[in-house]
Amino acid sequence: MIPDLRTRATEPELLDLGVPEAETRESLADLRFVNRWLGNRGALLRAVREHLPPGGRVLDVGCGSADLPVFLLSRLPGPLLAVGLDVKAFHLRAAPRTVRRVVADVRHLPFPERSFDVVTASLFLHHVPPERTPEAIAAIDRLATRGVIISDLLRSALTWGAVGALAWVAGNRIVRHDAPLSVRRAFRVGELGRLAWAASLPYLRARREGCFRVSLSGRKVAADG
């Protein structure tokens, strides 16, 4: 039965609560598989290319095992500094050494303002408690000089069905529980737009990205000067 998707769910995902390391490792591999097929990586690559100068610096917030920074490194001309940030050190152990790995919480970021040309966050925002979401968006914005690209799941019946089916086929018990819940915790386009205004960042525009994704992104005015 399709759940009520009119409002965002707030119950925590198992990965956020903490699960055994072996299951976490399996779950991260399963999530990389889901990202590959439902992650709309082409849209992310196009958006990053629009803002990133040669030899640029890109940060991915909430990167998990850093599969998206690795993807960007494989598609963008170097030299490129790619940094992956996650609150859990264990998640970053699977990240290759081509990505600089940093363990930190978005509330206490260990970088000065404007440290990166582009800051991305994929499938991160729905993990943030609703009352802290504008704060998280503002923190991401402060680190970027040129552009911000926040991508997440579209909260819809189609996404819930597709993500749930893929998780059931390819995932362990953690992914089977968390993947459909991620959709229920995710966003609609109008909600992201209102969050940008709540964070006092009207340059960020919310849009739908394909069948399963929404994004909040924009070019910072200072980048044009």
N, C-alpha and C. Protein backbone atom coordinates (compact mmCIF):
# COMPACT_ATOMS: atom_id res chain seq x y z
N MET A 1 0.84 -1.19 0.00
CA MET A 1 0.00 0.00 0.00
C MET A 1 0.88 1.26 0.00
N ILE A 2 0.55 2.20 -0.85
CA ILE A 2 1.31 3.44 -0.93
C ILE A 2 1.05 4.28 0.33
N PRO A 3 2.10 4.73 0.99
CA PRO A 3 1.90 5.53 2.21
C PRO A 3 1.41 6.93 1.89
N ASP A 4 1.00 7.64 2.91
CA ASP A 4 0.59 9.04 2.77
C ASP A 4 1.84 9.87 2.53
N LEU A 5 1.94 10.47 1.35
CA LEU A 5 3.12 11.24 0.97
C LEU A 5 2.85 12.74 0.95
N ARG A 6 1.75 13.15 1.55
CA ARG A 6 1.43 14.57 1.51
C ARG A 6 2.38 15.40 2.37
N THR A 7 2.90 14.81 3.42
CA THR A 7 3.87 15.50 4.28
C THR A 7 5.08 14.60 4.49
N ARG A 8 6.18 15.22 4.87
CA ARG A 8 7.43 14.49 5.08
C ARG A 8 7.36 13.62 6.33
N ALA A 9 7.90 12.39 6.21
CA ALA A 9 8.07 11.53 7.38
C ALA A 9 9.23 12.04 8.22
N THR A 10 9.21 11.74 9.50
CA THR A 10 10.27 12.20 10.40
C THR A 10 10.97 11.08 11.14
N GLU A 11 10.49 9.84 11.04
CA GLU A 11 11.15 8.76 11.77
C GLU A 11 12.55 8.52 11.20
N PRO A 12 13.52 8.20 12.04
CA PRO A 12 14.91 8.09 11.58
C PRO A 12 15.16 6.83 10.77
N GLU A 13 16.13 6.93 9.88
CA GLU A 13 16.58 5.75 9.13
C GLU A 13 17.54 4.93 9.98
N LEU A 14 17.62 3.65 9.68
CA LEU A 14 18.48 2.76 10.47
C LEU A 14 19.94 3.17 10.39
N LEU A 15 20.40 3.59 9.20
CA LEU A 15 21.80 3.99 9.07
C LEU A 15 22.11 5.21 9.95
N ASP A 16 21.14 6.07 10.15
CA ASP A 16 21.35 7.23 11.01
C ASP A 16 21.41 6.83 12.48
N LEU A 17 20.71 5.77 12.83
CA LEU A 17 20.71 5.32 14.22
C LEU A 17 21.96 4.52 14.54
N GLY A 18 22.54 3.88 13.53
CA GLY A 18 23.73 3.05 13.74
C GLY A 18 23.40 1.58 13.64
N VAL A 19 24.11 0.88 12.77
CA VAL A 19 23.94 -0.56 12.57
C VAL A 19 25.32 -1.20 12.55
N PRO A 20 25.41 -2.53 12.69
CA PRO A 20 26.72 -3.20 12.67
C PRO A 20 27.53 -2.85 11.42
N GLU A 21 28.86 -2.83 11.58
CA GLU A 21 29.72 -2.39 10.49
C GLU A 21 29.57 -3.24 9.23
N ALA A 22 29.40 -4.54 9.40
CA ALA A 22 29.26 -5.40 8.22
C ALA A 22 28.02 -5.02 7.41
N GLU A 23 26.92 -4.75 8.11
CA GLU A 23 25.70 -4.36 7.40
C GLU A 23 25.82 -2.95 6.83
N THR A 24 26.54 -2.08 7.53
CA THR A 24 26.77 -0.74 6.99
C THR A 24 27.55 -0.81 5.70
N ARG A 25 28.59 -1.65 5.66
CA ARG A 25 29.40 -1.80 4.46
C ARG A 25 28.55 -2.30 3.30
N GLU A 26 27.70 -3.29 3.56
CA GLU A 26 26.81 -3.81 2.52
C GLU A 26 25.83 -2.72 2.06
N SER A 27 25.32 -1.97 3.02
CA SER A 27 24.33 -0.94 2.70
C SER A 27 24.94 0.16 1.83
N LEU A 28 26.18 0.55 2.12
CA LEU A 28 26.83 1.57 1.31
C LEU A 28 27.04 1.09 -0.12
N ALA A 29 27.40 -0.18 -0.27
CA ALA A 29 27.54 -0.74 -1.61
C ALA A 29 26.20 -0.76 -2.34
N ASP A 30 25.14 -1.12 -1.61
CA ASP A 30 23.81 -1.13 -2.22
C ASP A 30 23.37 0.28 -2.60
N LEU A 31 23.69 1.25 -1.77
CA LEU A 31 23.32 2.63 -2.07
C LEU A 31 24.09 3.16 -3.28
N ARG A 32 25.33 2.72 -3.45
CA ARG A 32 26.07 3.10 -4.66
C ARG A 32 25.36 2.56 -5.90
N PHE A 33 24.82 1.36 -5.78
CA PHE A 33 24.07 0.77 -6.90
C PHE A 33 22.81 1.58 -7.19
N VAL A 34 22.08 1.95 -6.12
CA VAL A 34 20.87 2.75 -6.30
C VAL A 34 21.22 4.11 -6.92
N ASN A 35 22.30 4.74 -6.43
CA ASN A 35 22.73 6.02 -6.99
C ASN A 35 23.05 5.91 -8.47
N ARG A 36 23.64 4.80 -8.84
CA ARG A 36 24.04 4.62 -10.24
C ARG A 36 22.82 4.62 -11.16
N TRP A 37 21.72 4.03 -10.68
CA TRP A 37 20.56 3.86 -11.56
C TRP A 37 19.47 4.90 -11.35
N LEU A 38 19.40 5.47 -10.15
CA LEU A 38 18.36 6.47 -9.88
C LEU A 38 18.95 7.80 -9.44
N GLY A 39 20.25 7.97 -9.58
CA GLY A 39 20.90 9.15 -9.04
C GLY A 39 20.94 10.34 -9.96
N ASN A 40 20.54 10.17 -11.24
CA ASN A 40 20.56 11.29 -12.19
C ASN A 40 21.92 11.97 -12.20
N ARG A 41 22.97 11.16 -12.30
CA ARG A 41 24.33 11.69 -12.20
C ARG A 41 24.67 12.62 -13.36
N GLY A 42 24.03 12.41 -14.50
CA GLY A 42 24.28 13.28 -15.64
C GLY A 42 23.87 14.72 -15.34
N ALA A 43 22.74 14.90 -14.66
CA ALA A 43 22.30 16.25 -14.31
C ALA A 43 23.27 16.90 -13.33
N LEU A 44 23.78 16.12 -12.39
CA LEU A 44 24.77 16.65 -11.44
C LEU A 44 26.03 17.07 -12.19
N LEU A 45 26.50 16.26 -13.09
CA LEU A 45 27.72 16.57 -13.84
C LEU A 45 27.54 17.85 -14.65
N ARG A 46 26.41 18.00 -15.32
CA ARG A 46 26.16 19.22 -16.11
C ARG A 46 26.14 20.46 -15.22
N ALA A 47 25.52 20.32 -14.06
CA ALA A 47 25.44 21.47 -13.16
C ALA A 47 26.81 21.85 -12.61
N VAL A 48 27.60 20.87 -12.25
CA VAL A 48 28.95 21.16 -11.74
C VAL A 48 29.80 21.80 -12.83
N ARG A 49 29.72 21.29 -14.04
CA ARG A 49 30.49 21.86 -15.16
C ARG A 49 30.15 23.33 -15.38
N GLU A 50 28.90 23.69 -15.14
CA GLU A 50 28.47 25.07 -15.37
C GLU A 50 29.19 26.04 -14.45
N HIS A 51 29.54 25.59 -13.25
CA HIS A 51 30.09 26.49 -12.24
C HIS A 51 31.59 26.29 -11.98
N LEU A 52 32.14 25.15 -12.30
CA LEU A 52 33.49 24.81 -11.84
C LEU A 52 34.54 25.30 -12.83
N PRO A 53 35.51 26.11 -12.38
CA PRO A 53 36.58 26.56 -13.27
C PRO A 53 37.65 25.48 -13.42
N PRO A 54 38.56 25.60 -14.38
CA PRO A 54 39.67 24.64 -14.49
C PRO A 54 40.48 24.62 -13.20
N GLY A 55 40.84 23.42 -12.77
CA GLY A 55 41.58 23.29 -11.54
C GLY A 55 40.78 23.67 -10.31
N GLY A 56 39.48 23.49 -10.37
CA GLY A 56 38.60 23.95 -9.32
C GLY A 56 38.57 23.05 -8.10
N ARG A 57 37.76 23.48 -7.14
CA ARG A 57 37.62 22.80 -5.87
C ARG A 57 36.15 22.50 -5.64
N VAL A 58 35.84 21.22 -5.39
CA VAL A 58 34.45 20.82 -5.19
C VAL A 58 34.36 20.02 -3.90
N LEU A 59 33.33 20.31 -3.12
CA LEU A 59 33.05 19.60 -1.87
C LEU A 59 31.71 18.92 -1.99
N ASP A 60 31.65 17.63 -1.58
CA ASP A 60 30.39 16.91 -1.52
C ASP A 60 30.05 16.65 -0.06
N VAL A 61 28.97 17.24 0.41
CA VAL A 61 28.55 17.14 1.81
C VAL A 61 27.65 15.92 1.97
N GLY A 62 27.92 15.13 3.02
CA GLY A 62 27.15 13.92 3.24
C GLY A 62 27.43 12.89 2.18
N CYS A 63 28.71 12.68 1.88
CA CYS A 63 29.10 11.92 0.68
C CYS A 63 29.00 10.42 0.84
N GLY A 64 28.79 9.89 2.06
CA GLY A 64 28.78 8.44 2.22
C GLY A 64 30.14 7.87 1.88
N SER A 65 30.16 6.93 0.95
CA SER A 65 31.44 6.35 0.53
C SER A 65 32.03 7.06 -0.68
N ALA A 66 31.54 8.27 -0.96
CA ALA A 66 32.13 9.20 -1.94
C ALA A 66 32.02 8.72 -3.38
N ASP A 67 30.96 8.00 -3.72
CA ASP A 67 30.83 7.56 -5.11
C ASP A 67 30.59 8.72 -6.07
N LEU A 68 29.91 9.78 -5.61
CA LEU A 68 29.68 10.91 -6.52
C LEU A 68 30.93 11.75 -6.76
N PRO A 69 31.74 12.08 -5.74
CA PRO A 69 33.02 12.73 -6.04
C PRO A 69 33.91 11.91 -6.97
N VAL A 70 33.91 10.60 -6.80
CA VAL A 70 34.68 9.74 -7.69
C VAL A 70 34.15 9.85 -9.12
N PHE A 71 32.84 9.86 -9.27
CA PHE A 71 32.23 10.01 -10.59
C PHE A 71 32.63 11.33 -11.23
N LEU A 72 32.59 12.42 -10.45
CA LEU A 72 32.97 13.73 -10.99
C LEU A 72 34.44 13.75 -11.41
N LEU A 73 35.30 13.15 -10.60
CA LEU A 73 36.72 13.10 -10.95
C LEU A 73 36.95 12.34 -12.25
N SER A 74 36.13 11.34 -12.51
CA SER A 74 36.30 10.53 -13.72
C SER A 74 35.79 11.23 -14.97
N ARG A 75 34.98 12.29 -14.79
CA ARG A 75 34.34 12.95 -15.93
C ARG A 75 34.84 14.37 -16.18
N LEU A 76 35.48 14.97 -15.19
CA LEU A 76 35.91 16.36 -15.32
C LEU A 76 37.41 16.43 -15.53
N PRO A 77 37.87 17.39 -16.33
CA PRO A 77 39.30 17.52 -16.56
C PRO A 77 40.03 17.99 -15.30
N GLY A 78 41.21 17.46 -15.09
CA GLY A 78 42.01 17.85 -13.92
C GLY A 78 42.93 19.00 -14.24
N PRO A 79 43.70 19.44 -13.24
CA PRO A 79 43.66 18.94 -11.86
C PRO A 79 42.43 19.46 -11.13
N LEU A 80 41.82 18.61 -10.32
CA LEU A 80 40.60 18.95 -9.61
C LEU A 80 40.72 18.47 -8.18
N LEU A 81 40.43 19.34 -7.23
CA LEU A 81 40.39 18.95 -5.83
C LEU A 81 38.97 18.55 -5.49
N ALA A 82 38.78 17.28 -5.13
CA ALA A 82 37.47 16.78 -4.73
C ALA A 82 37.55 16.34 -3.27
N VAL A 83 36.67 16.90 -2.46
CA VAL A 83 36.64 16.60 -1.03
C VAL A 83 35.29 16.00 -0.70
N GLY A 84 35.31 14.89 0.01
CA GLY A 84 34.09 14.26 0.48
C GLY A 84 33.97 14.41 1.98
N LEU A 85 32.83 14.89 2.45
CA LEU A 85 32.60 15.11 3.87
C LEU A 85 31.44 14.25 4.34
N ASP A 86 31.65 13.55 5.45
CA ASP A 86 30.57 12.75 6.03
C ASP A 86 30.73 12.76 7.55
N VAL A 87 29.64 12.62 8.26
CA VAL A 87 29.69 12.67 9.71
C VAL A 87 30.24 11.37 10.30
N LYS A 88 30.24 10.29 9.51
CA LYS A 88 30.69 8.99 10.02
C LYS A 88 31.97 8.57 9.32
N ALA A 89 33.02 8.37 10.13
CA ALA A 89 34.32 7.98 9.58
C ALA A 89 34.23 6.64 8.85
N PHE A 90 33.42 5.73 9.35
CA PHE A 90 33.35 4.41 8.73
C PHE A 90 32.84 4.50 7.29
N HIS A 91 31.93 5.42 7.02
CA HIS A 91 31.42 5.58 5.66
C HIS A 91 32.55 5.95 4.70
N LEU A 92 33.51 6.73 5.17
CA LEU A 92 34.57 7.23 4.30
C LEU A 92 35.68 6.23 4.07
N ARG A 93 35.70 5.15 4.82
CA ARG A 93 36.79 4.17 4.64
C ARG A 93 36.77 3.55 3.25
N ALA A 94 35.59 3.46 2.67
CA ALA A 94 35.50 2.86 1.33
C ALA A 94 35.84 3.83 0.22
N ALA A 95 36.04 5.10 0.56
CA ALA A 95 36.33 6.11 -0.47
C ALA A 95 37.78 5.97 -0.94
N PRO A 96 38.04 6.09 -2.23
CA PRO A 96 39.41 5.98 -2.74
C PRO A 96 40.24 7.20 -2.35
N ARG A 97 41.55 7.05 -2.43
CA ARG A 97 42.45 8.12 -2.01
C ARG A 97 42.45 9.30 -2.99
N THR A 98 41.84 9.13 -4.14
CA THR A 98 41.74 10.28 -5.06
C THR A 98 40.83 11.36 -4.51
N VAL A 99 39.98 10.98 -3.56
CA VAL A 99 39.08 11.94 -2.90
C VAL A 99 39.64 12.25 -1.52
N ARG A 100 39.77 13.52 -1.19
CA ARG A 100 40.19 13.91 0.15
C ARG A 100 39.01 13.73 1.09
N ARG A 101 39.21 13.00 2.16
CA ARG A 101 38.11 12.62 3.05
C ARG A 101 38.17 13.41 4.35
N VAL A 102 37.01 13.94 4.76
CA VAL A 102 36.91 14.75 5.97
C VAL A 102 35.70 14.28 6.77
N VAL A 103 35.92 14.02 8.05
CA VAL A 103 34.83 13.64 8.95
C VAL A 103 34.37 14.88 9.71
N ALA A 104 33.12 15.27 9.55
CA ALA A 104 32.60 16.45 10.23
C ALA A 104 31.08 16.49 10.09
N ASP A 105 30.46 17.25 10.99
CA ASP A 105 29.03 17.51 10.95
C ASP A 105 28.79 18.82 10.22
N VAL A 106 27.70 18.90 9.48
CA VAL A 106 27.40 20.13 8.73
C VAL A 106 27.22 21.32 9.67
N ARG A 107 26.91 21.08 10.94
CA ARG A 107 26.76 22.19 11.89
C ARG A 107 28.11 22.73 12.35
N HIS A 108 29.17 21.96 12.15
CA HIS A 108 30.50 22.36 12.62
C HIS A 108 31.51 22.06 11.51
N LEU A 109 31.39 22.76 10.42
CA LEU A 109 32.24 22.49 9.26
C LEU A 109 33.65 23.03 9.49
N PRO A 110 34.68 22.24 9.19
CA PRO A 110 36.05 22.63 9.50
C PRO A 110 36.73 23.42 8.38
N PHE A 111 35.96 24.21 7.65
CA PHE A 111 36.52 25.00 6.55
C PHE A 111 36.15 26.46 6.72
N PRO A 112 37.01 27.36 6.29
CA PRO A 112 36.61 28.78 6.26
C PRO A 112 35.52 28.99 5.20
N GLU A 113 34.83 30.09 5.33
CA GLU A 113 33.84 30.43 4.31
C GLU A 113 34.50 30.57 2.94
N ARG A 114 33.75 30.21 1.89
CA ARG A 114 34.20 30.34 0.49
C ARG A 114 35.46 29.51 0.22
N SER A 115 35.50 28.32 0.80
CA SER A 115 36.66 27.45 0.61
C SER A 115 36.62 26.67 -0.70
N PHE A 116 35.44 26.58 -1.33
CA PHE A 116 35.28 25.75 -2.51
C PHE A 116 34.56 26.52 -3.61
N ASP A 117 34.87 26.18 -4.84
CA ASP A 117 34.15 26.78 -5.95
C ASP A 117 32.71 26.30 -5.99
N VAL A 118 32.53 24.99 -5.86
CA VAL A 118 31.21 24.37 -5.93
C VAL A 118 31.03 23.45 -4.74
N VAL A 119 29.85 23.52 -4.12
CA VAL A 119 29.51 22.59 -3.05
C VAL A 119 28.26 21.82 -3.47
N THR A 120 28.34 20.51 -3.38
CA THR A 120 27.22 19.65 -3.72
C THR A 120 26.77 18.88 -2.48
N ALA A 121 25.54 18.42 -2.52
CA ALA A 121 25.00 17.56 -1.47
C ALA A 121 23.93 16.70 -2.12
N SER A 122 24.18 15.42 -2.19
CA SER A 122 23.25 14.51 -2.86
C SER A 122 22.71 13.49 -1.85
N LEU A 123 21.40 13.40 -1.77
CA LEU A 123 20.74 12.50 -0.82
C LEU A 123 21.17 12.76 0.60
N PHE A 124 21.50 14.00 0.90
CA PHE A 124 21.91 14.40 2.24
C PHE A 124 20.81 15.14 2.98
N LEU A 125 20.12 16.04 2.30
CA LEU A 125 19.24 16.97 2.99
C LEU A 125 18.09 16.27 3.70
N HIS A 126 17.61 15.15 3.16
CA HIS A 126 16.49 14.48 3.82
C HIS A 126 16.89 13.83 5.14
N HIS A 127 18.20 13.71 5.40
CA HIS A 127 18.65 13.18 6.69
C HIS A 127 18.64 14.25 7.79
N VAL A 128 18.58 15.51 7.41
CA VAL A 128 18.62 16.61 8.37
C VAL A 128 17.24 16.79 8.99
N PRO A 129 17.15 16.92 10.33
CA PRO A 129 15.84 17.18 10.94
C PRO A 129 15.19 18.41 10.32
N PRO A 130 13.88 18.38 10.10
CA PRO A 130 13.21 19.49 9.40
C PRO A 130 13.49 20.86 10.00
N GLU A 131 13.57 20.95 11.32
CA GLU A 131 13.77 22.27 11.93
C GLU A 131 15.18 22.81 11.70
N ARG A 132 16.12 21.96 11.26
CA ARG A 132 17.49 22.41 11.03
C ARG A 132 17.83 22.49 9.54
N THR A 133 16.86 22.21 8.68
CA THR A 133 17.16 22.17 7.25
C THR A 133 17.60 23.52 6.70
N PRO A 134 16.92 24.64 6.99
CA PRO A 134 17.42 25.93 6.49
C PRO A 134 18.84 26.23 6.97
N GLU A 135 19.15 25.87 8.21
CA GLU A 135 20.49 26.08 8.75
C GLU A 135 21.53 25.29 7.95
N ALA A 136 21.19 24.04 7.58
CA ALA A 136 22.11 23.22 6.80
C ALA A 136 22.34 23.80 5.41
N ILE A 137 21.27 24.28 4.78
CA ILE A 137 21.40 24.90 3.46
C ILE A 137 22.29 26.13 3.54
N ALA A 138 22.10 26.95 4.57
CA ALA A 138 22.91 28.16 4.73
C ALA A 138 24.37 27.80 4.96
N ALA A 139 24.64 26.73 5.72
CA ALA A 139 26.02 26.31 5.96
C ALA A 139 26.69 25.87 4.66
N ILE A 140 25.96 25.15 3.81
CA ILE A 140 26.49 24.73 2.51
C ILE A 140 26.78 25.96 1.65
N ASP A 141 25.87 26.90 1.65
CA ASP A 141 26.05 28.12 0.85
C ASP A 141 27.31 28.88 1.25
N ARG A 142 27.59 28.97 2.53
CA ARG A 142 28.74 29.77 2.99
C ARG A 142 30.07 29.24 2.50
N LEU A 143 30.13 27.97 2.16
CA LEU A 143 31.40 27.37 1.73
C LEU A 143 31.67 27.57 0.23
N ALA A 144 30.68 28.00 -0.53
CA ALA A 144 30.81 28.05 -2.00
C ALA A 144 31.08 29.47 -2.48
N THR A 145 31.94 29.58 -3.49
CA THR A 145 32.17 30.87 -4.14
C THR A 145 31.40 31.01 -5.44
N ARG A 146 31.11 29.90 -6.12
CA ARG A 146 30.50 29.97 -7.45
C ARG A 146 29.12 29.33 -7.53
N GLY A 147 28.95 28.16 -6.95
CA GLY A 147 27.67 27.50 -7.13
C GLY A 147 27.38 26.47 -6.07
N VAL A 148 26.10 26.23 -5.84
CA VAL A 148 25.60 25.22 -4.91
C VAL A 148 24.65 24.31 -5.66
N ILE A 149 24.81 23.01 -5.45
CA ILE A 149 23.93 22.02 -6.11
C ILE A 149 23.51 21.01 -5.05
N ILE A 150 22.26 21.10 -4.63
CA ILE A 150 21.70 20.17 -3.66
C ILE A 150 20.69 19.30 -4.38
N SER A 151 20.88 18.01 -4.33
CA SER A 151 20.00 17.07 -5.04
C SER A 151 19.43 16.07 -4.05
N ASP A 152 18.16 15.76 -4.21
CA ASP A 152 17.55 14.77 -3.32
C ASP A 152 16.43 14.05 -4.06
N LEU A 153 15.83 13.12 -3.37
CA LEU A 153 14.73 12.37 -3.95
C LEU A 153 13.46 13.21 -4.04
N LEU A 154 12.70 12.94 -5.07
CA LEU A 154 11.37 13.53 -5.20
C LEU A 154 10.39 12.67 -4.41
N ARG A 155 9.66 13.27 -3.51
CA ARG A 155 8.67 12.53 -2.73
C ARG A 155 7.41 12.34 -3.57
N SER A 156 7.30 11.16 -4.13
CA SER A 156 6.16 10.85 -4.99
C SER A 156 5.90 9.36 -4.94
N ALA A 157 4.72 8.96 -5.37
CA ALA A 157 4.38 7.54 -5.40
C ALA A 157 5.28 6.79 -6.38
N LEU A 158 5.60 7.42 -7.52
CA LEU A 158 6.46 6.76 -8.50
C LEU A 158 7.85 6.51 -7.92
N THR A 159 8.42 7.53 -7.25
CA THR A 159 9.74 7.36 -6.66
C THR A 159 9.70 6.30 -5.56
N TRP A 160 8.68 6.36 -4.73
CA TRP A 160 8.56 5.38 -3.64
C TRP A 160 8.51 3.96 -4.19
N GLY A 161 7.75 3.75 -5.25
CA GLY A 161 7.65 2.42 -5.84
C GLY A 161 8.95 1.97 -6.48
N ALA A 162 9.60 2.87 -7.24
CA ALA A 162 10.83 2.51 -7.94
C ALA A 162 11.98 2.25 -6.97
N VAL A 163 12.14 3.14 -6.01
CA VAL A 163 13.22 2.98 -5.03
C VAL A 163 12.98 1.73 -4.18
N GLY A 164 11.75 1.53 -3.77
CA GLY A 164 11.45 0.35 -2.97
C GLY A 164 11.70 -0.95 -3.73
N ALA A 165 11.30 -0.99 -5.00
CA ALA A 165 11.51 -2.19 -5.80
C ALA A 165 13.00 -2.47 -6.02
N LEU A 166 13.76 -1.42 -6.33
CA LEU A 166 15.19 -1.60 -6.55
C LEU A 166 15.89 -2.01 -5.27
N ALA A 167 15.49 -1.42 -4.14
CA ALA A 167 16.09 -1.80 -2.86
C ALA A 167 15.76 -3.24 -2.51
N TRP A 168 14.55 -3.68 -2.83
CA TRP A 168 14.17 -5.05 -2.50
C TRP A 168 14.96 -6.05 -3.34
N VAL A 169 15.23 -5.70 -4.58
CA VAL A 169 15.97 -6.61 -5.47
C VAL A 169 17.46 -6.62 -5.11
N ALA A 170 18.03 -5.42 -4.83
CA ALA A 170 19.48 -5.31 -4.72
C ALA A 170 19.98 -5.05 -3.31
N GLY A 171 19.09 -4.77 -2.34
CA GLY A 171 19.55 -4.31 -1.04
C GLY A 171 19.46 -5.33 0.06
N ASN A 172 20.20 -5.05 1.15
CA ASN A 172 20.07 -5.86 2.36
C ASN A 172 18.91 -5.32 3.19
N ARG A 173 18.77 -5.81 4.41
CA ARG A 173 17.60 -5.41 5.22
C ARG A 173 17.63 -3.92 5.56
N ILE A 174 18.82 -3.35 5.68
CA ILE A 174 18.92 -1.94 6.01
C ILE A 174 18.40 -1.09 4.85
N VAL A 175 18.87 -1.39 3.65
CA VAL A 175 18.45 -0.63 2.48
C VAL A 175 16.96 -0.84 2.20
N ARG A 176 16.48 -2.06 2.41
CA ARG A 176 15.06 -2.31 2.18
C ARG A 176 14.19 -1.48 3.12
N HIS A 177 14.69 -1.24 4.32
CA HIS A 177 13.96 -0.38 5.26
C HIS A 177 14.16 1.09 4.95
N ASP A 178 15.43 1.49 4.72
CA ASP A 178 15.76 2.91 4.63
C ASP A 178 15.40 3.55 3.30
N ALA A 179 15.51 2.79 2.20
CA ALA A 179 15.29 3.41 0.90
C ALA A 179 13.86 3.95 0.73
N PRO A 180 12.82 3.16 1.00
CA PRO A 180 11.47 3.74 0.90
C PRO A 180 11.24 4.86 1.92
N LEU A 181 11.85 4.73 3.11
CA LEU A 181 11.71 5.77 4.11
C LEU A 181 12.39 7.06 3.65
N SER A 182 13.50 6.93 2.93
CA SER A 182 14.17 8.11 2.38
C SER A 182 13.24 8.90 1.48
N VAL A 183 12.46 8.20 0.68
CA VAL A 183 11.49 8.88 -0.19
C VAL A 183 10.44 9.59 0.65
N ARG A 184 9.97 8.96 1.70
CA ARG A 184 8.97 9.57 2.56
C ARG A 184 9.53 10.78 3.32
N ARG A 185 10.84 10.80 3.56
CA ARG A 185 11.49 11.93 4.23
C ARG A 185 11.91 13.02 3.25
N ALA A 186 11.76 12.76 1.96
CA ALA A 186 12.30 13.64 0.93
C ALA A 186 11.35 14.80 0.62
N PHE A 187 11.53 15.41 -0.55
CA PHE A 187 10.95 16.73 -0.81
C PHE A 187 10.14 16.78 -2.10
N ARG A 188 9.30 17.78 -2.16
CA ARG A 188 8.68 18.22 -3.40
C ARG A 188 9.29 19.56 -3.78
N VAL A 189 9.10 19.94 -5.03
CA VAL A 189 9.79 21.12 -5.55
C VAL A 189 9.44 22.37 -4.73
N GLY A 190 8.17 22.59 -4.47
CA GLY A 190 7.76 23.77 -3.73
C GLY A 190 8.36 23.83 -2.33
N GLU A 191 8.50 22.67 -1.69
CA GLU A 191 9.09 22.63 -0.36
C GLU A 191 10.54 23.09 -0.38
N LEU A 192 11.30 22.64 -1.37
CA LEU A 192 12.70 23.07 -1.47
C LEU A 192 12.79 24.57 -1.72
N GLY A 193 11.92 25.09 -2.56
CA GLY A 193 11.91 26.53 -2.81
C GLY A 193 11.65 27.32 -1.54
N ARG A 194 10.72 26.86 -0.72
CA ARG A 194 10.43 27.56 0.53
C ARG A 194 11.59 27.45 1.51
N LEU A 195 12.30 26.34 1.49
CA LEU A 195 13.46 26.19 2.36
C LEU A 195 14.57 27.17 1.98
N ALA A 196 14.75 27.39 0.67
CA ALA A 196 15.75 28.36 0.23
C ALA A 196 15.41 29.76 0.73
N TRP A 197 14.14 30.13 0.66
CA TRP A 197 13.73 31.44 1.17
C TRP A 197 13.89 31.51 2.69
N ALA A 198 13.60 30.40 3.38
CA ALA A 198 13.77 30.38 4.83
C ALA A 198 15.23 30.54 5.22
N ALA A 199 16.14 30.10 4.35
CA ALA A 199 17.57 30.24 4.59
C ALA A 199 18.10 31.58 4.06
N SER A 200 17.21 32.44 3.56
CA SER A 200 17.57 33.75 2.99
C SER A 200 18.52 33.60 1.80
N LEU A 201 18.23 32.62 0.95
CA LEU A 201 19.06 32.35 -0.22
C LEU A 201 18.17 32.27 -1.47
N PRO A 202 17.59 33.40 -1.89
CA PRO A 202 16.66 33.36 -3.02
C PRO A 202 17.32 33.05 -4.36
N TYR A 203 18.66 33.09 -4.44
CA TYR A 203 19.31 32.75 -5.70
C TYR A 203 19.21 31.26 -6.00
N LEU A 204 18.93 30.46 -5.00
CA LEU A 204 18.78 29.02 -5.21
C LEU A 204 17.39 28.73 -5.78
N ARG A 205 17.35 27.96 -6.85
CA ARG A 205 16.10 27.63 -7.52
C ARG A 205 15.81 26.14 -7.40
N ALA A 206 14.58 25.82 -7.04
CA ALA A 206 14.16 24.43 -6.93
C ALA A 206 13.57 23.98 -8.26
N ARG A 207 13.91 22.78 -8.66
CA ARG A 207 13.37 22.25 -9.91
C ARG A 207 13.32 20.73 -9.84
N ARG A 208 12.50 20.16 -10.68
CA ARG A 208 12.42 18.71 -10.80
C ARG A 208 13.49 18.23 -11.77
N GLU A 209 14.15 17.12 -11.41
CA GLU A 209 15.21 16.55 -12.25
C GLU A 209 14.81 15.13 -12.62
N GLY A 210 14.16 14.97 -13.74
CA GLY A 210 13.74 13.64 -14.16
C GLY A 210 12.58 13.14 -13.33
N CYS A 211 12.42 11.82 -13.30
CA CYS A 211 11.26 11.21 -12.65
C CYS A 211 11.42 11.07 -11.14
N PHE A 212 12.66 11.03 -10.65
CA PHE A 212 12.87 10.63 -9.27
C PHE A 212 13.61 11.65 -8.41
N ARG A 213 14.01 12.76 -8.99
CA ARG A 213 14.86 13.70 -8.26
C ARG A 213 14.33 15.12 -8.28
N VAL A 214 14.71 15.88 -7.25
CA VAL A 214 14.53 17.32 -7.22
C VAL A 214 15.88 17.94 -6.88
N SER A 215 16.06 19.18 -7.26
CA SER A 215 17.32 19.86 -6.95
C SER A 215 17.05 21.28 -6.49
N LEU A 216 18.02 21.79 -5.75
CA LEU A 216 18.04 23.18 -5.31
C LEU A 216 19.42 23.70 -5.65
N SER A 217 19.51 24.60 -6.63
CA SER A 217 20.83 24.97 -7.11
C SER A 217 20.81 26.40 -7.65
N GLY A 218 22.01 26.94 -7.81
CA GLY A 218 22.12 28.26 -8.38
C GLY A 218 23.55 28.73 -8.43
N ARG A 219 23.77 29.77 -9.22
CA ARG A 219 25.08 30.41 -9.35
C ARG A 219 25.11 31.64 -8.45
N LYS A 220 26.13 31.73 -7.64
CA LYS A 220 26.24 32.85 -6.72
C LYS A 220 26.58 34.13 -7.47
N VAL A 221 25.95 35.21 -7.09
CA VAL A 221 26.13 36.49 -7.80
C VAL A 221 27.59 36.90 -7.77
N ALA A 222 28.29 36.65 -6.67
CA ALA A 222 29.68 37.05 -6.56
C ALA A 222 30.57 36.39 -7.60
N ALA A 223 30.13 35.24 -8.13
CA ALA A 223 30.93 34.53 -9.13
C ALA A 223 30.97 35.27 -10.43
N ASP A 224 30.04 36.18 -10.68
CA ASP A 224 30.00 36.90 -11.94
C ASP A 224 30.87 38.15 -11.93
N GLY A 225 31.36 38.52 -10.76
CA GLY A 225 32.15 39.73 -10.65
C GLY A 225 33.61 39.53 -10.96
